[in-house]
Amino acid sequence: MIMDEKLKTDLQRFATQIRIETIKEIGTLGVGHIGGSLSIVEALAVLYGEVMHIDPENPKMEERDWLICSKGHAGPAVYAALALKGYFPMEMLETLNQPGTNLPSHCDMNRTPGVDMTTGSLGQGASSAVGIAIGNRLKGLDNYTYLIVGDGESQEGQVWEVALYAGQKKLNNLIAFMDYNDMQIDGNVSDINTLGDAGKKFEEFGWYSQTIDGHDVEAIYEAIQNAKAQSDKPSMIVLNTIKGKGASFCEGLVSSHSMNVTEDQVKEAVEALEAELE
């Protein structure tokens, strides 16, 4: 399906807005998981901006599409998308990981409107997504469960148990994304414990796989449409991304996994991104 230019522009602008709010959030706190938050922004923009069937006024709507961000440390980007969609006031973003906040550093379904699963312990969100997809199928619901996993996270054996089980159960209502920025907390994934051709590995488990530019909203949208066309396979969309994308002070740095952020860095990055919206 070809994306029209207006939708493409709208989603690119939405991605920029998510990126701005994510940087501001973490800047308010002065430290955080900025790199892996910024690398999934375009995926979030396409999902929340166009693809997912959701209702911010009724976050628990049974027939909704679900999103499980298994790399829970990317919570700040998820929160930015949720706030921009109207799940809660924008002012809440200023409370990220503060005492008494409903926006903890990692996603918490019991505290944040719109968060479908508590995550942070790597790999567990993937298992949750499979359980949700199966449960919704048993209920006869015509919806999708979307899952975001990290490449470093995918060194966890639990992710591959999920791959085996979901493939055998032919969960075509499960569409997963791997944030393949090739960086984890202590170095490059390719140096520490390489995944090789991740898409091909999932294919061996019975999945349909695609590998695309993870910062191209049109490519992401088209990949999701291709995934929805599968009648008997779950889908894995490998997103080739850049850690810290869109913020010059942290783009492409391993240290951006979790780093201190200064007021000047935030100001410079936000001004550059706001210029893109003019």
Protein backbone atom coordinates (compact mmCIF):
# COMPACT_ATOMS: atom_id res chain seq x y z
CA MET A 1 0.00 0.00 0.00
CA ILE A 2 1.45 3.35 -1.08
CA MET A 3 1.34 6.09 1.54
CA ASP A 4 0.00 9.44 0.40
CA GLU A 5 2.25 12.45 0.91
CA LYS A 6 0.01 14.13 3.48
CA LEU A 7 -0.01 11.09 5.75
CA LYS A 8 3.75 10.72 5.35
CA THR A 9 4.30 14.35 6.32
CA ASP A 10 1.90 14.08 9.26
CA LEU A 11 3.68 11.00 10.62
CA GLN A 12 7.11 12.57 10.17
CA ARG A 13 5.92 15.61 12.11
CA PHE A 14 4.42 13.39 14.80
CA ALA A 15 7.74 11.55 15.10
CA THR A 16 9.53 14.87 15.53
CA GLN A 17 7.05 15.91 18.22
CA ILE A 18 7.57 12.61 20.07
CA ARG A 19 11.33 13.11 19.83
CA ILE A 20 11.11 16.64 21.21
CA GLU A 21 8.95 15.64 24.16
CA THR A 22 11.15 12.63 24.92
CA ILE A 23 14.26 14.81 25.08
CA LYS A 24 12.49 17.40 27.24
CA GLU A 25 11.22 14.68 29.61
CA ILE A 26 14.64 13.22 30.20
CA GLY A 27 16.12 16.71 30.35
CA THR A 28 13.78 17.60 33.20
CA LEU A 29 15.16 14.67 35.17
CA GLY A 30 18.72 15.24 33.98
CA VAL A 31 19.45 11.58 33.30
CA GLY A 32 17.82 8.67 31.55
CA HIS A 33 17.64 6.05 28.83
CA ILE A 34 17.65 8.52 25.98
CA GLY A 35 19.40 6.50 23.26
CA GLY A 36 17.02 3.57 23.10
CA SER A 37 14.03 5.86 23.51
CA LEU A 38 14.92 7.98 20.50
CA SER A 39 15.64 4.99 18.26
CA ILE A 40 12.02 3.75 18.33
CA VAL A 41 10.30 7.11 17.75
CA GLU A 42 9.30 6.52 14.13
CA ALA A 43 7.79 3.13 14.96
CA LEU A 44 5.75 4.73 17.74
CA ALA A 45 4.66 7.55 15.44
CA VAL A 46 3.31 5.15 12.84
CA LEU A 47 1.62 2.91 15.40
CA TYR A 48 -0.01 5.61 17.50
CA GLY A 49 -0.43 8.10 14.68
CA GLU A 50 -2.13 5.88 12.12
CA VAL A 51 -2.13 2.13 12.56
CA MET A 52 -3.44 1.15 15.98
CA HIS A 53 -7.13 1.00 16.86
CA ILE A 54 -7.13 2.82 20.20
CA ASP A 55 -9.22 5.25 22.23
CA PRO A 56 -7.36 7.58 24.62
CA GLU A 57 -10.63 8.24 26.45
CA ASN A 58 -11.10 4.49 26.99
CA PRO A 59 -7.58 3.03 27.32
CA LYS A 60 -8.85 -0.41 28.40
CA MET A 61 -11.29 -0.81 25.49
CA GLU A 62 -11.42 -4.56 24.95
CA GLU A 63 -11.23 -4.51 21.18
CA ARG A 64 -8.24 -2.15 21.09
CA ASP A 65 -4.89 -2.98 19.58
CA TRP A 66 -2.21 -3.56 22.22
CA LEU A 67 1.37 -2.30 22.33
CA ILE A 68 3.95 -4.01 24.52
CA CYS A 69 7.28 -2.18 24.73
CA SER A 70 9.34 -5.06 26.07
CA LYS A 71 12.44 -2.84 26.15
CA GLY A 72 10.79 -1.04 29.05
CA HIS A 73 13.63 1.43 29.51
CA ALA A 74 12.29 3.19 26.39
CA GLY A 75 9.28 4.23 28.46
CA PRO A 76 9.98 7.97 28.01
CA ALA A 77 9.29 7.72 24.26
CA VAL A 78 6.11 5.72 24.88
CA TYR A 79 4.96 8.31 27.42
CA ALA A 80 5.60 11.14 24.96
CA ALA A 81 3.48 9.40 22.31
CA LEU A 82 0.70 8.71 24.81
CA ALA A 83 0.62 12.30 26.05
CA LEU A 84 0.54 13.68 22.52
CA LYS A 85 -2.41 11.37 21.76
CA GLY A 86 -4.28 12.66 24.81
CA TYR A 87 -4.03 9.75 27.26
CA PHE A 88 -2.96 12.17 29.98
CA PRO A 89 -1.97 15.87 30.27
CA MET A 90 1.30 16.91 28.67
CA GLU A 91 2.38 18.39 32.02
CA MET A 92 2.71 14.87 33.41
CA LEU A 93 5.79 14.38 31.26
CA GLU A 94 7.65 16.73 33.59
CA THR A 95 7.25 14.19 36.42
CA LEU A 96 9.27 11.40 34.77
CA ASN A 97 10.70 9.12 37.45
CA GLN A 98 10.03 11.67 40.21
CA PRO A 99 8.69 10.61 43.64
CA GLY A 100 4.99 9.78 43.38
CA THR A 101 4.96 9.93 39.58
CA ASN A 102 2.77 7.84 37.31
CA LEU A 103 5.59 7.85 34.76
CA PRO A 104 8.34 5.60 36.14
CA SER A 105 11.56 5.07 34.22
CA HIS A 106 10.24 1.72 32.95
CA CYS A 107 6.70 1.06 31.71
CA ASP A 108 4.12 0.20 34.40
CA MET A 109 0.59 -0.81 33.40
CA ASN A 110 -0.73 -0.09 36.89
CA ARG A 111 0.41 3.52 36.90
CA THR A 112 0.27 4.93 33.38
CA PRO A 113 -2.90 5.27 31.27
CA GLY A 114 -2.34 3.61 27.90
CA VAL A 115 0.50 1.33 28.96
CA ASP A 116 -0.66 -2.22 28.26
CA MET A 117 2.02 -4.19 30.11
CA THR A 118 4.62 -3.62 32.81
CA THR A 119 8.08 -4.21 31.35
CA GLY A 120 11.73 -3.71 32.18
CA SER A 121 12.95 -7.20 32.95
CA LEU A 122 14.24 -7.97 29.48
CA GLY A 123 12.40 -10.65 27.52
CA GLN A 124 9.32 -10.76 29.71
CA GLY A 125 7.34 -8.33 27.60
CA ALA A 126 7.77 -10.66 24.64
CA SER A 127 6.18 -13.52 26.56
CA SER A 128 3.38 -11.22 27.70
CA ALA A 129 2.68 -10.20 24.10
CA VAL A 130 2.27 -13.83 23.06
CA GLY A 131 -0.10 -14.49 25.93
CA ILE A 132 -2.15 -11.41 25.05
CA ALA A 133 -2.30 -12.37 21.38
CA ILE A 134 -3.49 -15.87 22.27
CA GLY A 135 -6.04 -14.54 24.75
CA ASN A 136 -7.49 -12.10 22.25
CA ARG A 137 -7.71 -14.84 19.64
CA LEU A 138 -9.59 -17.08 22.07
CA LYS A 139 -12.00 -14.20 22.77
CA GLY A 140 -12.65 -13.91 19.05
CA LEU A 141 -11.32 -10.36 18.91
CA ASP A 142 -10.18 -9.02 15.56
CA ASN A 143 -7.26 -6.98 16.84
CA TYR A 144 -3.47 -6.94 16.86
CA THR A 145 -0.81 -7.14 19.52
CA TYR A 146 2.27 -5.09 18.67
CA LEU A 147 5.57 -5.84 20.38
CA ILE A 148 8.82 -3.88 20.50
CA VAL A 149 11.98 -5.73 21.57
CA GLY A 150 15.57 -4.53 21.67
CA ASP A 151 18.48 -6.16 19.90
CA GLY A 152 20.45 -6.45 23.14
CA GLU A 153 17.30 -7.75 24.79
CA SER A 154 17.12 -10.43 22.12
CA GLN A 155 20.17 -12.10 23.63
CA GLU A 156 17.74 -13.32 26.29
CA GLY A 157 16.67 -16.94 25.82
CA GLN A 158 13.10 -16.00 26.67
CA VAL A 159 12.80 -14.10 23.38
CA TRP A 160 13.61 -17.25 21.44
CA GLU A 161 11.13 -19.32 23.44
CA VAL A 162 8.58 -16.75 22.29
CA ALA A 163 9.77 -17.09 18.70
CA LEU A 164 9.38 -20.87 18.81
CA TYR A 165 5.96 -20.87 20.45
CA ALA A 166 4.36 -18.02 18.47
CA GLY A 167 5.52 -19.52 15.20
CA GLN A 168 4.07 -22.92 16.03
CA LYS A 169 0.77 -21.36 17.12
CA LYS A 170 0.63 -19.32 13.88
CA LEU A 171 -0.15 -16.09 15.73
CA ASN A 172 -0.82 -13.84 12.77
CA ASN A 173 -2.32 -11.27 15.18
CA LEU A 174 1.16 -10.67 16.64
CA ILE A 175 3.39 -8.11 14.90
CA ALA A 176 6.79 -7.52 16.48
CA PHE A 177 9.52 -4.97 15.90
CA MET A 178 13.18 -5.39 16.79
CA ASP A 179 15.00 -2.13 17.48
CA TYR A 180 18.29 -3.07 15.82
CA ASN A 181 20.56 -0.14 16.74
CA ASP A 182 23.49 -2.54 17.43
CA MET A 183 24.15 -1.03 20.86
CA GLN A 184 23.51 -2.19 24.40
CA ILE A 185 24.56 -0.97 27.82
CA ASP A 186 28.18 -2.15 27.61
CA GLY A 187 29.04 -2.03 23.92
CA ASN A 188 28.00 -3.07 20.44
CA VAL A 189 25.66 -6.03 20.11
CA SER A 190 27.73 -7.28 17.18
CA ASP A 191 30.81 -7.44 19.43
CA ILE A 192 29.21 -8.79 22.60
CA ASN A 193 26.83 -11.48 21.35
CA THR A 194 25.87 -10.91 17.74
CA LEU A 195 22.40 -11.76 16.46
CA GLY A 196 23.54 -12.07 12.86
CA ASP A 197 20.60 -12.04 10.45
CA ALA A 198 17.84 -11.67 13.05
CA GLY A 199 15.04 -11.73 10.49
CA LYS A 200 16.21 -15.01 9.01
CA LYS A 201 16.39 -16.56 12.48
CA PHE A 202 12.74 -15.68 13.09
CA GLU A 203 11.82 -17.12 9.70
CA GLU A 204 13.31 -20.43 10.83
CA PHE A 205 10.82 -20.37 13.72
CA GLY A 206 7.90 -19.91 11.34
CA TRP A 207 7.63 -16.12 11.30
CA TYR A 208 7.27 -13.73 8.38
CA SER A 209 10.15 -11.25 8.55
CA GLN A 210 11.10 -7.96 6.97
CA THR A 211 14.17 -5.77 7.53
CA ILE A 212 13.74 -2.06 6.91
CA ASP A 213 15.00 1.43 7.72
CA GLY A 214 13.59 2.00 11.20
CA HIS A 215 13.51 5.78 10.76
CA ASP A 216 11.45 5.73 7.54
CA VAL A 217 7.76 6.14 8.43
CA GLU A 218 6.63 5.03 4.98
CA ALA A 219 8.70 1.84 5.12
CA ILE A 220 7.37 1.07 8.61
CA TYR A 221 3.78 1.62 7.51
CA GLU A 222 4.17 -0.59 4.44
CA ALA A 223 5.86 -3.32 6.49
CA ILE A 224 2.91 -3.36 8.89
CA GLN A 225 0.48 -3.72 5.98
CA ASN A 226 2.56 -6.64 4.66
CA ALA A 227 2.48 -8.21 8.11
CA LYS A 228 -1.29 -7.88 8.34
CA ALA A 229 -1.60 -9.76 5.04
CA GLN A 230 -0.12 -12.91 6.61
CA SER A 231 -2.82 -15.49 7.31
CA ASP A 232 -0.86 -18.01 9.35
CA LYS A 233 2.35 -16.41 10.65
CA PRO A 234 3.41 -13.92 13.30
CA SER A 235 5.58 -11.13 11.92
CA MET A 236 8.95 -9.71 12.87
CA ILE A 237 9.94 -6.33 11.45
CA VAL A 238 13.63 -5.69 12.05
CA LEU A 239 14.18 -1.94 12.31
CA ASN A 240 17.68 -0.80 11.40
CA THR A 241 17.97 2.21 13.69
CA ILE A 242 20.46 4.63 15.21
CA LYS A 243 20.68 4.89 18.98
CA GLY A 244 19.97 8.44 20.10
CA LYS A 245 18.60 9.38 16.67
CA GLY A 246 17.80 13.07 16.27
CA ALA A 247 19.83 14.49 19.15
CA SER A 248 23.38 15.40 18.15
CA PHE A 249 24.75 15.13 21.70
CA CYS A 250 23.90 11.43 21.93
CA GLU A 251 23.28 10.10 18.43
CA GLY A 252 25.25 6.94 17.70
CA LEU A 253 26.80 6.71 21.16
CA VAL A 254 26.83 3.53 23.25
CA SER A 255 26.86 5.75 26.33
CA SER A 256 23.42 7.08 25.37
CA HIS A 257 21.89 3.87 26.72
CA SER A 258 21.66 5.79 30.00
CA MET A 259 23.38 9.13 30.33
CA ASN A 260 23.33 12.52 32.01
CA VAL A 261 21.69 15.27 29.98
CA THR A 262 22.40 18.98 30.47
CA GLU A 263 20.05 21.93 29.99
CA ASP A 264 22.21 23.23 27.15
CA GLN A 265 22.12 19.88 25.35
CA VAL A 266 18.34 19.74 25.64
CA LYS A 267 17.95 23.34 24.46
CA GLU A 268 20.13 22.83 21.41
CA ALA A 269 18.48 19.53 20.41
CA VAL A 270 14.94 20.80 20.90
CA GLU A 271 15.59 23.99 18.94
CA ALA A 272 16.99 21.98 16.03
CA LEU A 273 13.98 19.67 16.01
CA GLU A 274 11.47 22.49 16.37
CA ALA A 275 13.03 24.10 13.29
CA GLU A 276 12.02 20.97 11.35
CA LEU A 277 8.38 21.66 12.22
CA GLU A 278 8.40 25.21 10.86
